[in-house]
Amino acid sequence: MTNIVIHAEGLGKRYRRGLTTSNQTLRDALSGFLRSPLTVLRRSQHETFWALRDVSLEVRQGEVLGLIGRNGSGKTTLLKILSRITRPTTGWADIHGRVRSLLEVGTGFHGELSGRENTYLSGSILGMTKREIDKKFDEIVAFAEIDKFIDMPVKHYSSGMYVRLAFAVAAHLEPEILLVDEVLAVGDLSFQRKCLSKMGEVAEAGRNIVFVTHQMNQVRRLCDKVIWMDGGTIRQVGTTAEVVGAYEAAVYTGTASSQAIRGQKARFLSWKISESRGESPHMVTLLNPITVRFDLEISKEVRHGHHGVALFSVDRQLIWACAQDDIRLEPGLHSFAYSFPMLPIRPGPYSWQVSLWEDGELLDLWDCLPEINIATQVLQHSKDEWNGILNIPYEFTIHDDENHRSKSNRF
């Protein structure tokens, strides 16, 4: 795991945004040129922008790297540079190994050739012999589910057929480095799941994948390391759990908060996880006991207080809630602390809501910011459709009653 297969330093890519538009007719343009030829010649016809700037990265042998970020953040441009489709304006990238790219519908195939011919052409480009491709061919066709169309020119394929065959070829012809963009979103849900399963097999075989997607569950399931791209630069790089959690929290900041009613007699000030072991006091990285503290300021005595707390998912699904009655608080600063043996919920951003009432009157209601970020190990089913809210540690045991032996795995 020490060999570096992708090494890039200071990558940048500058594009021309395009020629300026004009509503002039040819007659107007000619008359303008005759009146002032130097002005026309000196006029700027285009402007430039940086799609990528000062990006450096390393991918080691066997790693699966995820690239995440909003549309236009530079993810696809980075993949195009790594796949040698485009040259960087600045910087350099070294890649050691056979590379296969799946960046967009239409990339890598010749439209006039049939699916069969493109499969053999792709394998030849990767340095495979005809005998090696023959061994994989039936498996590729079965995976793509286009056996009736394999001898048809691919220019007549639908986008879904094209992607199915392109991915099947990319994954089965055993490139050492597989670059995959969001092109998989073209396929239906069943095919996407099949592709993810295949990429998992590719990763387990020790080959490298650089994977761009907006599906964070896919990133959590496949990737060892994640780079968060923002505005053409790297905003954060690190472990999957922490980077994905930070990205989701940034995306949803403010969207999960309802209009808070902030009072004068009582006011919640802040919240944190006591003795947090993550990068921030608002992140949970281990399924260990934690204590969550909510700090508030009381300006007038509260004699018969009622306090509520609730935990919501990003789509405002209620995860947990409880309440405390007959609370008496003197003026000053106070902390409400909740201790949990663990928070076994699915990784991602969540939000707390805390409130304080007195005799039926609402004193303060706060949708706590920032959100709590759960970045623990995923202990759920390998298929997304069987993932639920809970992320519970468990022990699996097989008992052999005949020989009184047992085997167990703890997760």
Foldseek 3Di string as FASTA:
>chain_A
DPAWQKWWWFFKAKDWPFFDDDPDDPVVVVVVCVVPVVVVVPDDGIDMDILAGGATDTDHFLFEEEEEEDPSLNPLVVLCCVVVVDPTPDIDMHGHWQEAEDRAQPPQADQQFFQVVSLVVVLVSRVHDPVLSVVCVVVLCVQLVPVVRRRPRCNPPDLQSRSSNSLSSQLRSQTLEYEYEQNLVVYDPVSSQVSLVSLQVSSVVRGYYYYYDHDLVSCLLRGQKYFYGGNNYTPDIDGSLVVSQVVQLVVLFPVQWDDKDAADQKGWDAKFKPPAPDPGRQEHAEFAKIKIKIKMFGQAKAQWKKKKKWKAASVGDTDDIDMDTRDTDHGGMDMDMDIDRGQFFDFHWMWMWMWMDGPNHTRIIGTHPRTRGYRYRAQFDSDPVRDDTGRDWDKDKDADVVVRDMDIDTD
